[in-house]
Amino acid sequence: MRRRLFGFFESAKNRQIVGFFGGGAAVMLAGIWTVLIYFFPHTGNPPEPRGVTVVTQSGALSSGRDTIINGPVTLDLMSGELVCT
């Protein structure tokens, strides 16, 4: 079975035909996906992000997974202070 399959792809013409139809199928699927997303958009609300509580000791700076800070932030690397104003 494997020898038959590889034997089919030994011919340059067969490789060109498979490449042509494979590329066409990829373009068609991308186009169909784009049309479906355009005409049938997702209407559900995204889930609320879960918060992570991180506790540090001795004044260390740490973060849990994704850190979101709204507003200007000053980070003093020498003293380890993080000031959100």
PDB file of N, CA and C in Angstrom:
ATOM      1  N   MET A   1       0.832  -1.200   0.000  1.00  0.00           N
ATOM      2  CA  MET A   1       0.000   0.000   0.000  1.00  0.00           C
ATOM      3  C   MET A   1       0.874   1.260   0.000  1.00  0.00           C
ATOM      4  N   ARG A   2       1.872   1.286   0.906  1.00  0.00           N
ATOM      5  CA  ARG A   2       2.733   2.451   1.003  1.00  0.00           C
ATOM      6  C   ARG A   2       3.549   2.626  -0.280  1.00  0.00           C
ATOM      7  N   ARG A   3       4.055   1.548  -0.807  1.00  0.00           N
ATOM      8  CA  ARG A   3       4.841   1.606  -2.039  1.00  0.00           C
ATOM      9  C   ARG A   3       3.992   2.130  -3.199  1.00  0.00           C
ATOM     10  N   ARG A   4       2.712   1.727  -3.213  1.00  0.00           N
ATOM     11  CA  ARG A   4       1.808   2.198  -4.267  1.00  0.00           C
ATOM     12  C   ARG A   4       1.580   3.708  -4.159  1.00  0.00           C
ATOM     13  N   LEU A   5       1.398   4.162  -2.919  1.00  0.00           N
ATOM     14  CA  LEU A   5       1.160   5.589  -2.707  1.00  0.00           C
ATOM     15  C   LEU A   5       2.384   6.412  -3.082  1.00  0.00           C
ATOM     16  N   PHE A   6       3.558   5.975  -2.617  1.00  0.00           N
ATOM     17  CA  PHE A   6       4.772   6.708  -2.964  1.00  0.00           C
ATOM     18  C   PHE A   6       5.081   6.592  -4.451  1.00  0.00           C
ATOM     19  N   GLY A   7       4.727   5.470  -5.049  1.00  0.00           N
ATOM     20  CA  GLY A   7       4.914   5.314  -6.489  1.00  0.00           C
ATOM     21  C   GLY A   7       4.073   6.308  -7.273  1.00  0.00           C
ATOM     22  N   PHE A   8       2.883   6.608  -6.752  1.00  0.00           N
ATOM     23  CA  PHE A   8       2.011   7.594  -7.405  1.00  0.00           C
ATOM     24  C   PHE A   8       2.653   8.972  -7.388  1.00  0.00           C
ATOM     25  N   PHE A   9       3.301   9.324  -6.294  1.00  0.00           N
ATOM     26  CA  PHE A   9       3.895  10.659  -6.159  1.00  0.00           C
ATOM     27  C   PHE A   9       5.276  10.777  -6.797  1.00  0.00           C
ATOM     28  N   GLU A  10       5.811   9.691  -7.322  1.00  0.00           N
ATOM     29  CA  GLU A  10       7.102   9.778  -8.015  1.00  0.00           C
ATOM     30  C   GLU A  10       6.991  10.564  -9.303  1.00  0.00           C
ATOM     31  N   SER A  11       5.836  10.525  -9.929  1.00  0.00           N
ATOM     32  CA  SER A  11       5.633  11.240 -11.186  1.00  0.00           C
ATOM     33  C   SER A  11       5.429  12.729 -10.899  1.00  0.00           C
ATOM     34  N   ALA A  12       6.161  13.576 -11.616  1.00  0.00           N
ATOM     35  CA  ALA A  12       6.033  15.027 -11.433  1.00  0.00           C
ATOM     36  C   ALA A  12       4.636  15.503 -11.810  1.00  0.00           C
ATOM     37  N   LYS A  13       4.035  14.901 -12.818  1.00  0.00           N
ATOM     38  CA  LYS A  13       2.699  15.313 -13.244  1.00  0.00           C
ATOM     39  C   LYS A  13       1.672  15.017 -12.152  1.00  0.00           C
ATOM     40  N   ASN A  14       1.796  13.859 -11.498  1.00  0.00           N
ATOM     41  CA  ASN A  14       0.868  13.528 -10.413  1.00  0.00           C
ATOM     42  C   ASN A  14       1.026  14.484  -9.236  1.00  0.00           C
ATOM     43  N   ARG A  15       2.253  14.858  -8.921  1.00  0.00           N
ATOM     44  CA  ARG A  15       2.482  15.816  -7.835  1.00  0.00           C
ATOM     45  C   ARG A  15       1.870  17.171  -8.170  1.00  0.00           C
ATOM     46  N   GLN A  16       1.971  17.596  -9.418  1.00  0.00           N
ATOM     47  CA  GLN A  16       1.381  18.878  -9.833  1.00  0.00           C
ATOM     48  C   GLN A  16      -0.136  18.833  -9.727  1.00  0.00           C
ATOM     49  N   ILE A  17      -0.740  17.723 -10.129  1.00  0.00           N
ATOM     50  CA  ILE A  17      -2.200  17.603 -10.075  1.00  0.00           C
ATOM     51  C   ILE A  17      -2.687  17.631  -8.623  1.00  0.00           C
ATOM     52  N   VAL A  18      -2.019  16.865  -7.760  1.00  0.00           N
ATOM     53  CA  VAL A  18      -2.414  16.836  -6.350  1.00  0.00           C
ATOM     54  C   VAL A  18      -2.200  18.212  -5.713  1.00  0.00           C
ATOM     55  N   GLY A  19      -1.112  18.876  -6.041  1.00  0.00           N
ATOM     56  CA  GLY A  19      -0.857  20.213  -5.525  1.00  0.00           C
ATOM     57  C   GLY A  19      -1.896  21.219  -5.990  1.00  0.00           C
ATOM     58  N   PHE A  20      -2.302  21.112  -7.252  1.00  0.00           N
ATOM     59  CA  PHE A  20      -3.304  22.029  -7.802  1.00  0.00           C
ATOM     60  C   PHE A  20      -4.634  21.864  -7.067  1.00  0.00           C
ATOM     61  N   PHE A  21      -5.091  20.616  -6.931  1.00  0.00           N
ATOM     62  CA  PHE A  21      -6.371  20.390  -6.272  1.00  0.00           C
ATOM     63  C   PHE A  21      -6.289  20.652  -4.765  1.00  0.00           C
ATOM     64  N   GLY A  22      -5.151  20.354  -4.145  1.00  0.00           N
ATOM     65  CA  GLY A  22      -4.985  20.652  -2.722  1.00  0.00           C
ATOM     66  C   GLY A  22      -5.003  22.147  -2.453  1.00  0.00           C
ATOM     67  N   GLY A  23      -4.318  22.917  -3.296  1.00  0.00           N
ATOM     68  CA  GLY A  23      -4.325  24.372  -3.144  1.00  0.00           C
ATOM     69  C   GLY A  23      -5.700  24.952  -3.384  1.00  0.00           C
ATOM     70  N   GLY A  24      -6.395  24.426  -4.395  1.00  0.00           N
ATOM     71  CA  GLY A  24      -7.757  24.889  -4.667  1.00  0.00           C
ATOM     72  C   GLY A  24      -8.695  24.600  -3.505  1.00  0.00           C
ATOM     73  N   ALA A  25      -8.543  23.416  -2.910  1.00  0.00           N
ATOM     74  CA  ALA A  25      -9.394  23.062  -1.768  1.00  0.00           C
ATOM     75  C   ALA A  25      -9.116  23.989  -0.588  1.00  0.00           C
ATOM     76  N   ALA A  26      -7.854  24.334  -0.360  1.00  0.00           N
ATOM     77  CA  ALA A  26      -7.512  25.238   0.744  1.00  0.00           C
ATOM     78  C   ALA A  26      -8.122  26.621   0.523  1.00  0.00           C
ATOM     79  N   VAL A  27      -8.057  27.119  -0.695  1.00  0.00           N
ATOM     80  CA  VAL A  27      -8.634  28.435  -1.006  1.00  0.00           C
ATOM     81  C   VAL A  27     -10.145  28.395  -0.856  1.00  0.00           C
ATOM     82  N   MET A  28     -10.773  27.322  -1.313  1.00  0.00           N
ATOM     83  CA  MET A  28     -12.228  27.208  -1.203  1.00  0.00           C
ATOM     84  C   MET A  28     -12.668  27.161   0.271  1.00  0.00           C
ATOM     85  N   LEU A  29     -11.963  26.384   1.087  1.00  0.00           N
ATOM     86  CA  LEU A  29     -12.323  26.302   2.501  1.00  0.00           C
ATOM     87  C   LEU A  29     -12.133  27.644   3.210  1.00  0.00           C
ATOM     88  N   ALA A  30     -11.072  28.359   2.882  1.00  0.00           N
ATOM     89  CA  ALA A  30     -10.853  29.679   3.483  1.00  0.00           C
ATOM     90  C   ALA A  30     -11.957  30.644   3.068  1.00  0.00           C
ATOM     91  N   GLY A  31     -12.374  30.595   1.817  1.00  0.00           N
ATOM     92  CA  GLY A  31     -13.452  31.461   1.349  1.00  0.00           C
ATOM     93  C   GLY A  31     -14.777  31.142   2.012  1.00  0.00           C
ATOM     94  N   ILE A  32     -15.078  29.860   2.139  1.00  0.00           N
ATOM     95  CA  ILE A  32     -16.324  29.453   2.798  1.00  0.00           C
ATOM     96  C   ILE A  32     -16.310  29.891   4.255  1.00  0.00           C
ATOM     97  N   TRP A  33     -15.175  29.710   4.930  1.00  0.00           N
ATOM     98  CA  TRP A  33     -15.061  30.124   6.331  1.00  0.00           C
ATOM     99  C   TRP A  33     -15.275  31.634   6.476  1.00  0.00           C
ATOM    100  N   THR A  34     -14.700  32.404   5.562  1.00  0.00           N
ATOM    101  CA  THR A  34     -14.849  33.862   5.612  1.00  0.00           C
ATOM    102  C   THR A  34     -16.301  34.266   5.411  1.00  0.00           C
ATOM    103  N   VAL A  35     -16.982  33.651   4.467  1.00  0.00           N
ATOM    104  CA  VAL A  35     -18.393  33.964   4.217  1.00  0.00           C
ATOM    105  C   VAL A  35     -19.241  33.598   5.430  1.00  0.00           C
ATOM    106  N   LEU A  36     -18.995  32.440   6.019  1.00  0.00           N
ATOM    107  CA  LEU A  36     -19.775  32.040   7.191  1.00  0.00           C
ATOM    108  C   LEU A  36     -19.567  33.002   8.356  1.00  0.00           C
ATOM    109  N   ILE A  37     -18.338  33.413   8.585  1.00  0.00           N
ATOM    110  CA  ILE A  37     -18.065  34.348   9.686  1.00  0.00           C
ATOM    111  C   ILE A  37     -18.698  35.708   9.411  1.00  0.00           C
ATOM    112  N   TYR A  38     -18.709  36.130   8.153  1.00  0.00           N
ATOM    113  CA  TYR A  38     -19.266  37.442   7.813  1.00  0.00           C
ATOM    114  C   TYR A  38     -20.786  37.453   7.974  1.00  0.00           C
ATOM    115  N   PHE A  39     -21.470  36.419   7.453  1.00  0.00           N
ATOM    116  CA  PHE A  39     -22.931  36.414   7.470  1.00  0.00           C
ATOM    117  C   PHE A  39     -23.529  35.847   8.754  1.00  0.00           C
ATOM    118  N   PHE A  40     -22.773  35.065   9.496  1.00  0.00           N
ATOM    119  CA  PHE A  40     -23.266  34.484  10.742  1.00  0.00           C
ATOM    120  C   PHE A  40     -22.277  34.771  11.866  1.00  0.00           C
ATOM    121  N   PRO A  41     -22.193  36.044  12.298  1.00  0.00           N
ATOM    122  CA  PRO A  41     -21.212  36.380  13.346  1.00  0.00           C
ATOM    123  C   PRO A  41     -21.610  35.755  14.680  1.00  0.00           C
ATOM    124  N   HIS A  42     -20.638  35.579  15.540  1.00  0.00           N
ATOM    125  CA  HIS A  42     -20.875  35.044  16.885  1.00  0.00           C
ATOM    126  C   HIS A  42     -21.608  36.096  17.703  1.00  0.00           C
ATOM    127  N   THR A  43     -22.735  35.727  18.281  1.00  0.00           N
ATOM    128  CA  THR A  43     -23.548  36.714  18.992  1.00  0.00           C
ATOM    129  C   THR A  43     -23.457  36.585  20.508  1.00  0.00           C
ATOM    130  N   GLY A  44     -22.854  35.533  21.008  1.00  0.00           N
ATOM    131  CA  GLY A  44     -22.764  35.350  22.462  1.00  0.00           C
ATOM    132  C   GLY A  44     -21.751  36.293  23.080  1.00  0.00           C
ATOM    133  N   ASN A  45     -21.939  36.564  24.360  1.00  0.00           N
ATOM    134  CA  ASN A  45     -20.994  37.408  25.083  1.00  0.00           C
ATOM    135  C   ASN A  45     -19.789  36.566  25.496  1.00  0.00           C
ATOM    136  N   PRO A  46     -18.602  37.132  25.417  1.00  0.00           N
ATOM    137  CA  PRO A  46     -17.431  36.377  25.866  1.00  0.00           C
ATOM    138  C   PRO A  46     -17.472  36.192  27.377  1.00  0.00           C
ATOM    139  N   PRO A  47     -16.918  35.115  27.884  1.00  0.00           N
ATOM    140  CA  PRO A  47     -16.933  34.910  29.330  1.00  0.00           C
ATOM    141  C   PRO A  47     -16.083  35.953  30.045  1.00  0.00           C
ATOM    142  N   GLU A  48     -16.495  36.265  31.263  1.00  0.00           N
ATOM    143  CA  GLU A  48     -15.753  37.242  32.061  1.00  0.00           C
ATOM    144  C   GLU A  48     -14.400  36.648  32.460  1.00  0.00           C
ATOM    145  N   PRO A  49     -13.345  37.435  32.394  1.00  0.00           N
ATOM    146  CA  PRO A  49     -12.039  36.917  32.817  1.00  0.00           C
ATOM    147  C   PRO A  49     -12.022  36.661  34.318  1.00  0.00           C
ATOM    148  N   ARG A  50     -11.389  35.563  34.698  1.00  0.00           N
ATOM    149  CA  ARG A  50     -11.280  35.241  36.114  1.00  0.00           C
ATOM    150  C   ARG A  50     -10.077  35.957  36.696  1.00  0.00           C
ATOM    151  N   GLY A  51     -10.225  36.439  37.901  1.00  0.00           N
ATOM    152  CA  GLY A  51      -9.127  37.128  38.565  1.00  0.00           C
ATOM    153  C   GLY A  51      -8.209  36.147  39.281  1.00  0.00           C
ATOM    154  N   VAL A  52      -6.970  36.522  39.401  1.00  0.00           N
ATOM    155  CA  VAL A  52      -5.983  35.716  40.103  1.00  0.00           C
ATOM    156  C   VAL A  52      -5.447  36.548  41.259  1.00  0.00           C
ATOM    157  N   THR A  53      -5.418  35.973  42.442  1.00  0.00           N
ATOM    158  CA  THR A  53      -4.877  36.657  43.606  1.00  0.00           C
ATOM    159  C   THR A  53      -3.470  36.132  43.869  1.00  0.00           C
ATOM    160  N   VAL A  54      -2.516  37.036  43.909  1.00  0.00           N
ATOM    161  CA  VAL A  54      -1.131  36.675  44.167  1.00  0.00           C
ATOM    162  C   VAL A  54      -0.698  37.399  45.428  1.00  0.00           C
ATOM    163  N   VAL A  55      -0.153  36.645  46.369  1.00  0.00           N
ATOM    164  CA  VAL A  55       0.317  37.216  47.631  1.00  0.00           C
ATOM    165  C   VAL A  55       1.834  37.082  47.663  1.00  0.00           C
ATOM    166  N   THR A  56       2.511  38.210  47.912  1.00  0.00           N
ATOM    167  CA  THR A  56       3.971  38.181  48.001  1.00  0.00           C
ATOM    168  C   THR A  56       4.405  38.513  49.414  1.00  0.00           C
ATOM    169  N   GLN A  57       5.600  38.112  49.729  1.00  0.00           N
ATOM    170  CA  GLN A  57       6.152  38.416  51.051  1.00  0.00           C
ATOM    171  C   GLN A  57       7.447  39.178  50.868  1.00  0.00           C
ATOM    172  N   SER A  58       7.810  39.890  51.831  1.00  0.00           N
ATOM    173  CA  SER A  58       9.032  40.692  51.897  1.00  0.00           C
ATOM    174  C   SER A  58       9.104  41.719  50.769  1.00  0.00           C
ATOM    175  N   GLY A  59       7.974  42.248  50.348  1.00  0.00           N
ATOM    176  CA  GLY A  59       7.956  43.330  49.369  1.00  0.00           C
ATOM    177  C   GLY A  59       8.367  42.926  47.969  1.00  0.00           C
ATOM    178  N   ALA A  60       8.311  41.656  47.624  1.00  0.00           N
ATOM    179  CA  ALA A  60       8.698  41.205  46.286  1.00  0.00           C
ATOM    180  C   ALA A  60       7.633  41.587  45.276  1.00  0.00           C
ATOM    181  N   LEU A  61       8.038  41.699  44.043  1.00  0.00           N
ATOM    182  CA  LEU A  61       7.127  42.022  42.949  1.00  0.00           C
ATOM    183  C   LEU A  61       6.791  40.722  42.233  1.00  0.00           C
ATOM    184  N   SER A  62       5.498  40.416  42.081  1.00  0.00           N
ATOM    185  CA  SER A  62       5.113  39.195  41.387  1.00  0.00           C
ATOM    186  C   SER A  62       3.820  39.427  40.624  1.00  0.00           C
ATOM    187  N   SER A  63       3.498  38.477  39.778  1.00  0.00           N
ATOM    188  CA  SER A  63       2.307  38.593  38.962  1.00  0.00           C
ATOM    189  C   SER A  63       1.757  37.193  38.718  1.00  0.00           C
ATOM    190  N   GLY A  64       0.479  37.095  38.573  1.00  0.00           N
ATOM    191  CA  GLY A  64      -0.145  35.813  38.268  1.00  0.00           C
ATOM    192  C   GLY A  64      -0.698  35.820  36.861  1.00  0.00           C
ATOM    193  N   ARG A  65      -0.242  34.949  36.040  1.00  0.00           N
ATOM    194  CA  ARG A  65      -0.607  34.768  34.635  1.00  0.00           C
ATOM    195  C   ARG A  65      -0.668  36.097  33.899  1.00  0.00           C
ATOM    196  N   ASP A  66      -1.843  36.554  33.494  1.00  0.00           N
ATOM    197  CA  ASP A  66      -1.976  37.806  32.747  1.00  0.00           C
ATOM    198  C   ASP A  66      -2.197  38.950  33.733  1.00  0.00           C
ATOM    199  N   THR A  67      -1.431  40.011  33.596  1.00  0.00           N
ATOM    200  CA  THR A  67      -1.574  41.159  34.471  1.00  0.00           C
ATOM    201  C   THR A  67      -2.142  42.319  33.675  1.00  0.00           C
ATOM    202  N   ILE A  68      -3.263  42.842  34.140  1.00  0.00           N
ATOM    203  CA  ILE A  68      -3.919  43.960  33.469  1.00  0.00           C
ATOM    204  C   ILE A  68      -3.932  45.132  34.435  1.00  0.00           C
ATOM    205  N   ILE A  69      -3.299  46.223  34.030  1.00  0.00           N
ATOM    206  CA  ILE A  69      -3.265  47.423  34.851  1.00  0.00           C
ATOM    207  C   ILE A  69      -3.808  48.562  33.995  1.00  0.00           C
ATOM    208  N   ASN A  70      -4.892  49.161  34.461  1.00  0.00           N
ATOM    209  CA  ASN A  70      -5.484  50.284  33.737  1.00  0.00           C
ATOM    210  C   ASN A  70      -4.982  51.573  34.352  1.00  0.00           C
ATOM    211  N   GLY A  71      -4.210  52.321  33.596  1.00  0.00           N
ATOM    212  CA  GLY A  71      -3.715  53.594  34.084  1.00  0.00           C
ATOM    213  C   GLY A  71      -2.210  53.668  33.995  1.00  0.00           C
ATOM    214  N   PRO A  72      -1.662  54.840  34.277  1.00  0.00           N
ATOM    215  CA  PRO A  72      -0.212  54.995  34.229  1.00  0.00           C
ATOM    216  C   PRO A  72       0.467  54.212  35.354  1.00  0.00           C
ATOM    217  N   VAL A  73       1.602  53.634  35.054  1.00  0.00           N
ATOM    218  CA  VAL A  73       2.332  52.809  36.013  1.00  0.00           C
ATOM    219  C   VAL A  73       3.777  53.268  36.059  1.00  0.00           C
ATOM    220  N   THR A  74       4.327  53.357  37.267  1.00  0.00           N
ATOM    221  CA  THR A  74       5.731  53.675  37.451  1.00  0.00           C
ATOM    222  C   THR A  74       6.377  52.497  38.162  1.00  0.00           C
ATOM    223  N   LEU A  75       7.424  51.959  37.585  1.00  0.00           N
ATOM    224  CA  LEU A  75       8.120  50.824  38.173  1.00  0.00           C
ATOM    225  C   LEU A  75       9.558  51.238  38.448  1.00  0.00           C
ATOM    226  N   ASP A  76       9.913  51.262  39.714  1.00  0.00           N
ATOM    227  CA  ASP A  76      11.268  51.595  40.126  1.00  0.00           C
ATOM    228  C   ASP A  76      12.014  50.287  40.367  1.00  0.00           C
ATOM    229  N   LEU A  77      12.897  49.926  39.458  1.00  0.00           N
ATOM    230  CA  LEU A  77      13.593  48.651  39.548  1.00  0.00           C
ATOM    231  C   LEU A  77      14.587  48.600  40.680  1.00  0.00           C
ATOM    232  N   MET A  78      15.131  49.726  41.074  1.00  0.00           N
ATOM    233  CA  MET A  78      16.125  49.727  42.144  1.00  0.00           C
ATOM    234  C   MET A  78      15.488  49.453  43.504  1.00  0.00           C
ATOM    235  N   SER A  79      14.323  50.052  43.782  1.00  0.00           N
ATOM    236  CA  SER A  79      13.698  49.851  45.089  1.00  0.00           C
ATOM    237  C   SER A  79      12.620  48.781  45.032  1.00  0.00           C
ATOM    238  N   GLY A  80      12.214  48.360  43.836  1.00  0.00           N
ATOM    239  CA  GLY A  80      11.184  47.331  43.709  1.00  0.00           C
ATOM    240  C   GLY A  80       9.780  47.853  43.915  1.00  0.00           C
ATOM    241  N   GLU A  81       9.585  49.171  43.785  1.00  0.00           N
ATOM    242  CA  GLU A  81       8.271  49.743  43.988  1.00  0.00           C
ATOM    243  C   GLU A  81       7.489  49.769  42.681  1.00  0.00           C
ATOM    244  N   LEU A  82       6.215  49.473  42.785  1.00  0.00           N
ATOM    245  CA  LEU A  82       5.292  49.578  41.666  1.00  0.00           C
ATOM    246  C   LEU A  82       4.201  50.541  42.091  1.00  0.00           C
ATOM    247  N   VAL A  83       4.096  51.669  41.409  1.00  0.00           N
ATOM    248  CA  VAL A  83       3.135  52.704  41.770  1.00  0.00           C
ATOM    249  C   VAL A  83       2.151  52.871  40.641  1.00  0.00           C
ATOM    250  N   CYS A  84       0.866  52.620  40.933  1.00  0.00           N
ATOM    251  CA  CYS A  84      -0.200  52.837  39.964  1.00  0.00           C
ATOM    252  C   CYS A  84      -0.961  54.087  40.367  1.00  0.00           C
ATOM    253  N   THR A  85      -1.006  55.056  39.490  1.00  0.00           N
ATOM    254  CA  THR A  85      -1.695  56.298  39.821  1.00  0.00           C
ATOM    255  C   THR A  85      -2.926  56.470  38.984  1.00  0.00           C
TER     256      THR A  85
END
